[in-house]
Amino acid sequence: MLQLVTRRLEAVRRLACVFLVVCFAFWQRYRWFDKSQRSRHRPRGAPRPRDFVLAPSAVPFSRPATAEELGDWHFGGRRRWLWFHDGQTQNGWFELGAAGGLRVEIGRSRGGSWWRRWSGELVVSFGRCHHVLELTQAAEIPTFRVKERKMKDGSVARAHEAKTIGKLDLSFTS
């Protein structure tokens, strides 16, 4: 009888050890992986980021943006920027229009919107993202870099090294 009780207690102890190991593994996974790595999608009912809630997805391009609308982004009437997604090869362009209108030819995108933040950064929305652009101190051609990407649906953007830049298209005048 004592042997039977001893065997059962040993089986329960082993089962408890397995249970603790499994619990510890789940706890480590939860602790090691940041929430954005567990899921790219915004939980149902979660609020959208505040500064992008009122961002229109596309504003029709009617005419070029004015110097007042562009602020620091006004370069002698030039409003078309070349897009270099990998930082080296041009793969499209966008043109800033009046009242936030955007003419785009990058990938499959053909329209979007833009607005200027109080900090002077430009937010350009096309495709599935809002792209936060900041002017950089470059050589003779005005250049920007993509400082941040925010998904329009509120989900977390993929974490990757930001290489995307843009250069003012000096060969085009609106």
N, C-alpha and C. Protein backbone atom coordinates (compact mmCIF):
# COMPACT_ATOMS: atom_id res chain seq x y z
N MET A 1 0.82 -1.19 0.00
CA MET A 1 0.00 0.00 0.00
C MET A 1 0.88 1.27 0.00
N LEU A 2 1.95 1.23 0.79
CA LEU A 2 2.84 2.37 0.88
C LEU A 2 3.52 2.62 -0.47
N GLN A 3 3.86 1.57 -1.18
CA GLN A 3 4.48 1.71 -2.49
C GLN A 3 3.53 2.37 -3.49
N LEU A 4 2.26 2.01 -3.44
CA LEU A 4 1.25 2.58 -4.34
C LEU A 4 1.11 4.08 -4.09
N VAL A 5 1.04 4.48 -2.85
CA VAL A 5 0.93 5.90 -2.49
C VAL A 5 2.19 6.64 -2.93
N THR A 6 3.37 6.03 -2.74
CA THR A 6 4.62 6.65 -3.13
C THR A 6 4.68 6.84 -4.64
N ARG A 7 4.27 5.83 -5.41
CA ARG A 7 4.27 5.95 -6.87
C ARG A 7 3.31 7.06 -7.33
N ARG A 8 2.15 7.12 -6.72
CA ARG A 8 1.18 8.16 -7.11
C ARG A 8 1.70 9.55 -6.75
N LEU A 9 2.32 9.70 -5.60
CA LEU A 9 2.89 10.99 -5.23
C LEU A 9 4.01 11.39 -6.19
N GLU A 10 4.83 10.42 -6.61
CA GLU A 10 5.90 10.69 -7.58
C GLU A 10 5.31 11.14 -8.92
N ALA A 11 4.21 10.50 -9.36
CA ALA A 11 3.55 10.87 -10.61
C ALA A 11 2.98 12.29 -10.51
N VAL A 12 2.38 12.62 -9.40
CA VAL A 12 1.83 13.96 -9.19
C VAL A 12 2.95 14.98 -9.18
N ARG A 13 4.08 14.67 -8.55
CA ARG A 13 5.23 15.58 -8.51
C ARG A 13 5.76 15.83 -9.92
N ARG A 14 5.88 14.79 -10.73
CA ARG A 14 6.34 14.95 -12.12
C ARG A 14 5.37 15.81 -12.93
N LEU A 15 4.10 15.55 -12.75
CA LEU A 15 3.08 16.33 -13.45
C LEU A 15 3.15 17.80 -13.04
N ALA A 16 3.36 18.06 -11.76
CA ALA A 16 3.48 19.43 -11.28
C ALA A 16 4.72 20.10 -11.86
N CYS A 17 5.81 19.35 -11.99
CA CYS A 17 7.04 19.91 -12.59
C CYS A 17 6.81 20.27 -14.05
N VAL A 18 6.15 19.39 -14.80
CA VAL A 18 5.85 19.68 -16.21
C VAL A 18 4.96 20.92 -16.31
N PHE A 19 3.97 21.00 -15.46
CA PHE A 19 3.07 22.15 -15.46
C PHE A 19 3.84 23.45 -15.19
N LEU A 20 4.76 23.43 -14.22
CA LEU A 20 5.55 24.61 -13.91
C LEU A 20 6.46 25.00 -15.07
N VAL A 21 7.05 24.03 -15.74
CA VAL A 21 7.92 24.33 -16.88
C VAL A 21 7.12 24.99 -18.00
N VAL A 22 5.94 24.47 -18.29
CA VAL A 22 5.09 25.04 -19.33
C VAL A 22 4.66 26.46 -18.94
N CYS A 23 4.26 26.66 -17.72
CA CYS A 23 3.86 28.00 -17.26
C CYS A 23 5.03 28.97 -17.36
N PHE A 24 6.21 28.53 -16.96
CA PHE A 24 7.39 29.39 -17.04
C PHE A 24 7.70 29.76 -18.48
N ALA A 25 7.56 28.82 -19.41
CA ALA A 25 7.83 29.10 -20.83
C ALA A 25 6.85 30.15 -21.36
N PHE A 26 5.56 30.03 -21.02
CA PHE A 26 4.59 31.03 -21.47
C PHE A 26 4.87 32.39 -20.83
N TRP A 27 5.26 32.38 -19.57
CA TRP A 27 5.57 33.65 -18.91
C TRP A 27 6.75 34.33 -19.57
N GLN A 28 7.80 33.56 -19.90
CA GLN A 28 8.95 34.14 -20.57
C GLN A 28 8.58 34.70 -21.93
N ARG A 29 7.78 33.98 -22.68
CA ARG A 29 7.37 34.47 -24.00
C ARG A 29 6.62 35.78 -23.86
N TYR A 30 5.72 35.84 -22.90
CA TYR A 30 4.95 37.06 -22.68
C TYR A 30 5.88 38.20 -22.28
N ARG A 31 6.85 37.92 -21.42
CA ARG A 31 7.76 38.95 -20.92
C ARG A 31 8.76 39.40 -21.98
N TRP A 32 9.26 38.47 -22.78
CA TRP A 32 10.30 38.80 -23.75
C TRP A 32 9.76 39.49 -24.99
N PHE A 33 8.57 39.11 -25.40
CA PHE A 33 8.04 39.71 -26.61
C PHE A 33 7.18 40.89 -26.26
N ASP A 34 7.52 41.99 -26.84
CA ASP A 34 6.76 43.21 -26.66
C ASP A 34 5.39 43.04 -27.31
N LYS A 35 4.42 43.77 -26.85
CA LYS A 35 3.04 43.62 -27.33
C LYS A 35 2.95 43.76 -28.85
N SER A 36 3.74 44.67 -29.43
CA SER A 36 3.67 44.89 -30.88
C SER A 36 4.16 43.67 -31.65
N GLN A 37 5.01 42.82 -31.05
CA GLN A 37 5.48 41.64 -31.75
C GLN A 37 4.48 40.50 -31.64
N ARG A 38 3.64 40.53 -30.62
CA ARG A 38 2.64 39.48 -30.49
C ARG A 38 1.52 39.63 -31.51
N SER A 39 1.15 40.85 -31.81
CA SER A 39 0.08 41.07 -32.77
C SER A 39 0.27 42.42 -33.44
N ARG A 40 0.16 42.45 -34.76
CA ARG A 40 0.30 43.71 -35.49
C ARG A 40 -1.01 44.47 -35.52
N HIS A 41 -2.11 43.81 -35.16
CA HIS A 41 -3.41 44.44 -35.31
C HIS A 41 -3.88 45.08 -34.02
N ARG A 42 -4.56 46.16 -34.19
CA ARG A 42 -5.13 46.88 -33.06
C ARG A 42 -6.29 46.06 -32.51
N PRO A 43 -6.34 45.86 -31.17
CA PRO A 43 -7.46 45.11 -30.60
C PRO A 43 -8.77 45.81 -30.89
N ARG A 44 -9.82 45.04 -31.04
CA ARG A 44 -11.13 45.58 -31.32
C ARG A 44 -11.53 46.58 -30.24
N GLY A 45 -11.95 47.75 -30.66
CA GLY A 45 -12.39 48.77 -29.73
C GLY A 45 -11.28 49.65 -29.18
N ALA A 46 -10.02 49.30 -29.48
CA ALA A 46 -8.90 50.12 -29.00
C ALA A 46 -8.88 51.44 -29.76
N PRO A 47 -8.55 52.53 -29.08
CA PRO A 47 -8.55 53.83 -29.77
C PRO A 47 -7.44 53.93 -30.81
N ARG A 48 -7.70 54.71 -31.83
CA ARG A 48 -6.68 54.99 -32.85
C ARG A 48 -5.74 56.06 -32.31
N PRO A 49 -4.52 56.13 -32.85
CA PRO A 49 -3.61 57.20 -32.41
C PRO A 49 -4.25 58.57 -32.66
N ARG A 50 -4.20 59.47 -31.67
CA ARG A 50 -4.93 60.75 -31.72
C ARG A 50 -4.57 61.63 -32.90
N ASP A 51 -3.30 61.77 -33.22
CA ASP A 51 -2.94 62.73 -34.25
C ASP A 51 -3.25 62.24 -35.65
N PHE A 52 -3.72 61.01 -35.80
CA PHE A 52 -4.03 60.51 -37.12
C PHE A 52 -5.51 60.19 -37.29
N VAL A 53 -6.32 60.45 -36.26
CA VAL A 53 -7.74 60.12 -36.33
C VAL A 53 -8.44 60.89 -37.44
N LEU A 54 -8.15 62.17 -37.57
CA LEU A 54 -8.86 63.01 -38.53
C LEU A 54 -8.18 63.07 -39.89
N ALA A 55 -7.19 62.24 -40.10
CA ALA A 55 -6.46 62.27 -41.36
C ALA A 55 -7.32 61.72 -42.49
N PRO A 56 -7.59 62.54 -43.51
CA PRO A 56 -8.36 62.03 -44.63
C PRO A 56 -7.52 61.03 -45.42
N SER A 57 -8.16 59.99 -45.93
CA SER A 57 -7.40 58.98 -46.66
C SER A 57 -6.97 59.49 -48.02
N ALA A 58 -7.82 60.27 -48.69
CA ALA A 58 -7.43 60.82 -49.99
C ALA A 58 -8.18 62.14 -50.21
N VAL A 59 -7.43 63.14 -50.62
CA VAL A 59 -8.01 64.44 -50.96
C VAL A 59 -7.72 64.65 -52.44
N PRO A 60 -8.73 64.97 -53.22
CA PRO A 60 -8.49 65.16 -54.66
C PRO A 60 -7.49 66.29 -54.92
N PHE A 61 -6.60 66.05 -55.86
CA PHE A 61 -5.61 67.05 -56.24
C PHE A 61 -6.27 68.02 -57.22
N SER A 62 -6.34 69.30 -56.84
CA SER A 62 -6.99 70.28 -57.72
C SER A 62 -5.97 71.23 -58.34
N ARG A 63 -5.03 71.68 -57.53
CA ARG A 63 -3.99 72.61 -57.99
C ARG A 63 -2.81 72.50 -57.04
N PRO A 64 -1.65 73.02 -57.42
CA PRO A 64 -0.48 72.95 -56.54
C PRO A 64 -0.70 73.72 -55.24
N ALA A 65 -0.04 73.27 -54.19
CA ALA A 65 -0.13 73.92 -52.88
C ALA A 65 0.51 75.30 -52.93
N THR A 66 0.03 76.19 -52.09
CA THR A 66 0.57 77.55 -52.03
C THR A 66 1.81 77.58 -51.12
N ALA A 67 2.55 78.65 -51.22
CA ALA A 67 3.74 78.82 -50.38
C ALA A 67 3.36 78.87 -48.90
N GLU A 68 2.21 79.46 -48.59
CA GLU A 68 1.74 79.55 -47.20
C GLU A 68 1.44 78.16 -46.65
N GLU A 69 0.82 77.30 -47.47
CA GLU A 69 0.51 75.95 -47.02
C GLU A 69 1.77 75.13 -46.78
N LEU A 70 2.78 75.34 -47.61
CA LEU A 70 3.99 74.54 -47.55
C LEU A 70 4.97 74.97 -46.45
N GLY A 71 5.00 76.23 -46.12
CA GLY A 71 5.92 76.71 -45.08
C GLY A 71 7.37 76.40 -45.44
N ASP A 72 8.07 75.69 -44.57
CA ASP A 72 9.48 75.33 -44.79
C ASP A 72 9.67 74.39 -45.98
N TRP A 73 8.60 73.79 -46.44
CA TRP A 73 8.67 72.83 -47.54
C TRP A 73 8.50 73.51 -48.90
N HIS A 74 8.48 74.84 -48.92
CA HIS A 74 8.35 75.60 -50.16
C HIS A 74 9.75 75.88 -50.71
N PHE A 75 10.01 75.40 -51.91
CA PHE A 75 11.32 75.60 -52.52
C PHE A 75 11.14 76.19 -53.91
N GLY A 76 10.83 77.48 -53.95
CA GLY A 76 10.71 78.20 -55.22
C GLY A 76 9.66 77.64 -56.17
N GLY A 77 8.55 77.21 -55.65
CA GLY A 77 7.46 76.72 -56.50
C GLY A 77 7.54 75.24 -56.84
N ARG A 78 8.54 74.55 -56.40
CA ARG A 78 8.65 73.10 -56.67
C ARG A 78 7.94 72.33 -55.57
N ARG A 79 7.06 71.43 -55.98
CA ARG A 79 6.25 70.69 -55.03
C ARG A 79 6.30 69.18 -55.25
N ARG A 80 7.05 68.74 -56.24
CA ARG A 80 7.13 67.31 -56.52
C ARG A 80 8.40 66.75 -55.89
N TRP A 81 8.23 65.65 -55.14
CA TRP A 81 9.32 64.98 -54.44
C TRP A 81 9.50 63.58 -55.00
N LEU A 82 10.74 63.20 -55.22
CA LEU A 82 11.06 61.85 -55.66
C LEU A 82 11.18 60.95 -54.43
N TRP A 83 10.68 59.72 -54.54
CA TRP A 83 10.62 58.78 -53.42
C TRP A 83 11.66 57.68 -53.64
N PHE A 84 12.51 57.46 -52.64
CA PHE A 84 13.54 56.43 -52.68
C PHE A 84 13.28 55.49 -51.49
N HIS A 85 12.50 54.44 -51.72
CA HIS A 85 12.08 53.56 -50.63
C HIS A 85 13.27 52.89 -49.94
N ASP A 86 14.25 52.46 -50.72
CA ASP A 86 15.42 51.79 -50.14
C ASP A 86 16.56 52.77 -49.85
N GLY A 87 16.32 54.05 -50.08
CA GLY A 87 17.34 55.07 -49.83
C GLY A 87 18.27 55.32 -50.99
N GLN A 88 18.16 54.51 -52.07
CA GLN A 88 19.09 54.67 -53.19
C GLN A 88 18.41 54.68 -54.55
N THR A 89 17.40 53.85 -54.76
CA THR A 89 16.75 53.73 -56.06
C THR A 89 15.40 54.43 -56.04
N GLN A 90 15.20 55.34 -57.00
CA GLN A 90 13.92 56.04 -57.06
C GLN A 90 12.85 55.06 -57.55
N ASN A 91 11.74 55.00 -56.82
CA ASN A 91 10.66 54.12 -57.24
C ASN A 91 9.31 54.83 -57.29
N GLY A 92 9.32 56.17 -57.32
CA GLY A 92 8.07 56.89 -57.45
C GLY A 92 8.24 58.36 -57.09
N TRP A 93 7.11 59.05 -57.03
CA TRP A 93 7.11 60.47 -56.69
C TRP A 93 5.76 60.85 -56.11
N PHE A 94 5.71 62.01 -55.44
CA PHE A 94 4.43 62.58 -55.02
C PHE A 94 4.52 64.09 -55.19
N GLU A 95 3.35 64.70 -55.40
CA GLU A 95 3.26 66.15 -55.57
C GLU A 95 2.25 66.70 -54.57
N LEU A 96 2.65 67.75 -53.85
CA LEU A 96 1.81 68.36 -52.83
C LEU A 96 0.83 69.34 -53.46
N GLY A 97 -0.45 69.12 -53.20
CA GLY A 97 -1.50 69.97 -53.76
C GLY A 97 -2.16 70.84 -52.72
N ALA A 98 -2.98 71.77 -53.19
CA ALA A 98 -3.70 72.69 -52.30
C ALA A 98 -4.68 71.92 -51.42
N ALA A 99 -4.91 72.44 -50.24
CA ALA A 99 -5.88 71.91 -49.28
C ALA A 99 -5.63 70.45 -48.92
N GLY A 100 -4.37 70.03 -48.94
CA GLY A 100 -4.03 68.67 -48.54
C GLY A 100 -4.13 67.64 -49.64
N GLY A 101 -4.39 68.07 -50.87
CA GLY A 101 -4.46 67.13 -51.99
C GLY A 101 -3.08 66.57 -52.30
N LEU A 102 -3.04 65.33 -52.74
CA LEU A 102 -1.76 64.68 -53.02
C LEU A 102 -1.88 63.87 -54.30
N ARG A 103 -0.96 64.11 -55.21
CA ARG A 103 -0.86 63.30 -56.44
C ARG A 103 0.32 62.37 -56.22
N VAL A 104 0.08 61.07 -56.33
CA VAL A 104 1.10 60.07 -55.98
C VAL A 104 1.28 59.08 -57.12
N GLU A 105 2.50 58.69 -57.34
CA GLU A 105 2.80 57.54 -58.20
C GLU A 105 3.91 56.76 -57.55
N ILE A 106 3.52 56.00 -56.53
CA ILE A 106 4.44 55.12 -55.81
C ILE A 106 3.74 53.78 -55.66
N GLY A 107 4.30 52.76 -56.23
CA GLY A 107 3.65 51.45 -56.17
C GLY A 107 2.30 51.53 -56.86
N ARG A 108 1.27 51.05 -56.17
CA ARG A 108 -0.09 51.09 -56.73
C ARG A 108 -0.86 52.33 -56.30
N SER A 109 -0.26 53.14 -55.46
CA SER A 109 -0.95 54.33 -54.95
C SER A 109 -0.99 55.43 -56.00
N ARG A 110 -2.15 56.08 -56.11
CA ARG A 110 -2.31 57.19 -57.05
C ARG A 110 -2.89 58.42 -56.39
N GLY A 111 -3.31 58.32 -55.15
CA GLY A 111 -3.87 59.48 -54.46
C GLY A 111 -3.62 59.37 -52.98
N GLY A 112 -3.79 60.48 -52.29
CA GLY A 112 -3.59 60.49 -50.85
C GLY A 112 -3.84 61.88 -50.30
N SER A 113 -3.25 62.17 -49.17
CA SER A 113 -3.41 63.49 -48.55
C SER A 113 -2.13 63.83 -47.79
N TRP A 114 -2.03 65.08 -47.40
CA TRP A 114 -0.87 65.52 -46.62
C TRP A 114 -1.28 66.66 -45.72
N TRP A 115 -0.53 66.88 -44.65
CA TRP A 115 -0.69 68.05 -43.81
C TRP A 115 0.64 68.30 -43.10
N ARG A 116 0.79 69.54 -42.66
CA ARG A 116 2.02 69.96 -42.00
C ARG A 116 1.75 70.06 -40.51
N ARG A 117 2.61 69.44 -39.71
CA ARG A 117 2.49 69.53 -38.26
C ARG A 117 3.06 70.86 -37.78
N TRP A 118 2.70 71.24 -36.56
CA TRP A 118 3.22 72.49 -35.99
C TRP A 118 4.73 72.44 -35.87
N SER A 119 5.32 71.23 -35.76
CA SER A 119 6.77 71.09 -35.62
C SER A 119 7.51 71.28 -36.94
N GLY A 120 6.76 71.40 -38.04
CA GLY A 120 7.37 71.57 -39.35
C GLY A 120 7.48 70.27 -40.13
N GLU A 121 7.22 69.13 -39.47
CA GLU A 121 7.23 67.85 -40.16
C GLU A 121 6.03 67.77 -41.10
N LEU A 122 6.18 67.00 -42.14
CA LEU A 122 5.10 66.80 -43.10
C LEU A 122 4.58 65.38 -42.92
N VAL A 123 3.28 65.21 -42.90
CA VAL A 123 2.68 63.88 -42.83
C VAL A 123 2.03 63.63 -44.18
N VAL A 124 2.52 62.62 -44.88
CA VAL A 124 2.02 62.28 -46.20
C VAL A 124 1.35 60.92 -46.09
N SER A 125 0.07 60.85 -46.48
CA SER A 125 -0.70 59.61 -46.36
C SER A 125 -1.02 59.05 -47.73
N PHE A 126 -0.57 57.85 -47.99
CA PHE A 126 -0.93 57.11 -49.20
C PHE A 126 -0.69 55.65 -48.92
N GLY A 127 -1.28 54.81 -49.75
CA GLY A 127 -1.16 53.37 -49.49
C GLY A 127 -1.82 53.03 -48.18
N ARG A 128 -1.16 52.24 -47.36
CA ARG A 128 -1.71 51.83 -46.06
C ARG A 128 -1.11 52.61 -44.90
N CYS A 129 -0.25 53.61 -45.20
CA CYS A 129 0.49 54.28 -44.12
C CYS A 129 0.38 55.80 -44.15
N HIS A 130 0.59 56.37 -42.98
CA HIS A 130 0.88 57.79 -42.81
C HIS A 130 2.39 57.85 -42.66
N HIS A 131 3.06 58.63 -43.47
CA HIS A 131 4.51 58.75 -43.42
C HIS A 131 4.87 60.12 -42.84
N VAL A 132 5.60 60.14 -41.75
CA VAL A 132 6.03 61.39 -41.12
C VAL A 132 7.41 61.72 -41.70
N LEU A 133 7.48 62.87 -42.39
CA LEU A 133 8.71 63.26 -43.09
C LEU A 133 9.34 64.46 -42.39
N GLU A 134 10.67 64.45 -42.34
CA GLU A 134 11.36 65.62 -41.81
C GLU A 134 12.49 65.99 -42.75
N LEU A 135 12.63 67.31 -42.96
CA LEU A 135 13.70 67.80 -43.82
C LEU A 135 15.05 67.53 -43.17
N THR A 136 16.02 67.18 -44.00
CA THR A 136 17.37 66.95 -43.49
C THR A 136 18.31 67.98 -44.08
N GLN A 137 19.40 68.20 -43.42
CA GLN A 137 20.41 69.13 -43.93
C GLN A 137 21.28 68.36 -44.90
N ALA A 138 20.91 68.39 -46.16
CA ALA A 138 21.65 67.64 -47.17
C ALA A 138 22.48 68.60 -48.02
N ALA A 139 23.02 68.08 -49.10
CA ALA A 139 23.85 68.88 -50.01
C ALA A 139 23.01 69.97 -50.66
N GLU A 140 23.13 70.12 -51.97
CA GLU A 140 22.43 71.21 -52.64
C GLU A 140 20.97 70.89 -52.95
N ILE A 141 20.58 69.62 -52.94
CA ILE A 141 19.19 69.25 -53.24
C ILE A 141 18.44 69.05 -51.93
N PRO A 142 17.30 69.76 -51.73
CA PRO A 142 16.51 69.55 -50.51
C PRO A 142 16.10 68.07 -50.41
N THR A 143 16.26 67.51 -49.21
CA THR A 143 16.04 66.10 -48.98
C THR A 143 15.23 65.91 -47.69
N PHE A 144 14.43 64.84 -47.65
CA PHE A 144 13.75 64.48 -46.42
C PHE A 144 14.05 63.02 -46.11
N ARG A 145 13.77 62.65 -44.87
CA ARG A 145 13.83 61.24 -44.48
C ARG A 145 12.50 60.89 -43.84
N VAL A 146 12.10 59.63 -43.97
CA VAL A 146 10.87 59.17 -43.32
C VAL A 146 11.23 58.89 -41.87
N LYS A 147 10.72 59.72 -41.00
CA LYS A 147 11.02 59.62 -39.57
C LYS A 147 10.21 58.51 -38.92
N GLU A 148 8.96 58.34 -39.40
CA GLU A 148 8.06 57.39 -38.76
C GLU A 148 6.98 56.97 -39.74
N ARG A 149 6.52 55.75 -39.59
CA ARG A 149 5.37 55.26 -40.37
C ARG A 149 4.29 54.83 -39.39
N LYS A 150 3.06 55.21 -39.68
CA LYS A 150 1.93 54.77 -38.85
C LYS A 150 0.90 54.17 -39.79
N MET A 151 0.41 53.00 -39.43
CA MET A 151 -0.59 52.32 -40.26
C MET A 151 -1.92 53.06 -40.14
N LYS A 152 -2.64 53.16 -41.25
CA LYS A 152 -3.92 53.86 -41.25
C LYS A 152 -4.96 53.15 -40.40
N ASP A 153 -4.88 51.81 -40.33
CA ASP A 153 -5.87 51.07 -39.55
C ASP A 153 -5.54 51.03 -38.06
N GLY A 154 -4.44 51.69 -37.67
CA GLY A 154 -4.08 51.74 -36.25
C GLY A 154 -3.20 50.59 -35.80
N SER A 155 -2.97 49.60 -36.66
CA SER A 155 -2.10 48.49 -36.27
C SER A 155 -0.65 48.98 -36.22
N VAL A 156 0.20 48.17 -35.66
CA VAL A 156 1.60 48.54 -35.48
C VAL A 156 2.36 48.28 -36.78
N ALA A 157 3.13 49.27 -37.21
CA ALA A 157 3.93 49.12 -38.43
C ALA A 157 5.08 48.16 -38.17
N ARG A 158 5.53 47.47 -39.20
CA ARG A 158 6.66 46.56 -39.07
C ARG A 158 7.89 47.33 -38.60
N ALA A 159 8.61 46.72 -37.70
CA ALA A 159 9.85 47.33 -37.22
C ALA A 159 10.96 47.03 -38.20
N HIS A 160 11.51 48.06 -38.77
CA HIS A 160 12.65 47.89 -39.67
C HIS A 160 13.44 49.19 -39.72
N GLU A 161 14.63 49.08 -40.20
CA GLU A 161 15.49 50.25 -40.28
C GLU A 161 14.91 51.22 -41.30
N ALA A 162 14.75 52.48 -40.90
CA ALA A 162 14.18 53.49 -41.78
C ALA A 162 15.24 53.95 -42.78
N LYS A 163 15.07 53.56 -44.04
CA LYS A 163 16.01 53.95 -45.09
C LYS A 163 15.38 54.93 -46.07
N THR A 164 14.07 55.02 -46.08
CA THR A 164 13.36 55.79 -47.09
C THR A 164 13.71 57.27 -47.00
N ILE A 165 14.06 57.83 -48.15
CA ILE A 165 14.34 59.26 -48.25
C ILE A 165 13.60 59.81 -49.46
N GLY A 166 13.63 61.11 -49.60
CA GLY A 166 13.06 61.77 -50.76
C GLY A 166 13.89 62.97 -51.12
N LYS A 167 13.87 63.30 -52.41
CA LYS A 167 14.60 64.47 -52.88
C LYS A 167 13.67 65.31 -53.74
N LEU A 168 13.82 66.61 -53.63
CA LEU A 168 13.01 67.53 -54.43
C LEU A 168 13.31 67.29 -55.91
N ASP A 169 12.25 67.19 -56.72
CA ASP A 169 12.42 66.98 -58.17
C ASP A 169 12.70 68.34 -58.82
N LEU A 170 13.97 68.57 -59.11
CA LEU A 170 14.37 69.86 -59.67
C LEU A 170 14.02 70.00 -61.14
N SER A 171 13.68 68.89 -61.80
CA SER A 171 13.37 68.94 -63.22
C SER A 171 11.89 69.24 -63.49
N PHE A 172 11.08 69.28 -62.42
CA PHE A 172 9.63 69.47 -62.59
C PHE A 172 9.18 70.73 -61.86
N THR A 173 8.39 71.54 -62.55
CA THR A 173 7.77 72.73 -61.93
C THR A 173 6.28 72.66 -62.17
N SER A 174 5.48 72.93 -61.13
CA SER A 174 4.02 72.88 -61.30
C SER A 174 3.50 74.16 -61.87
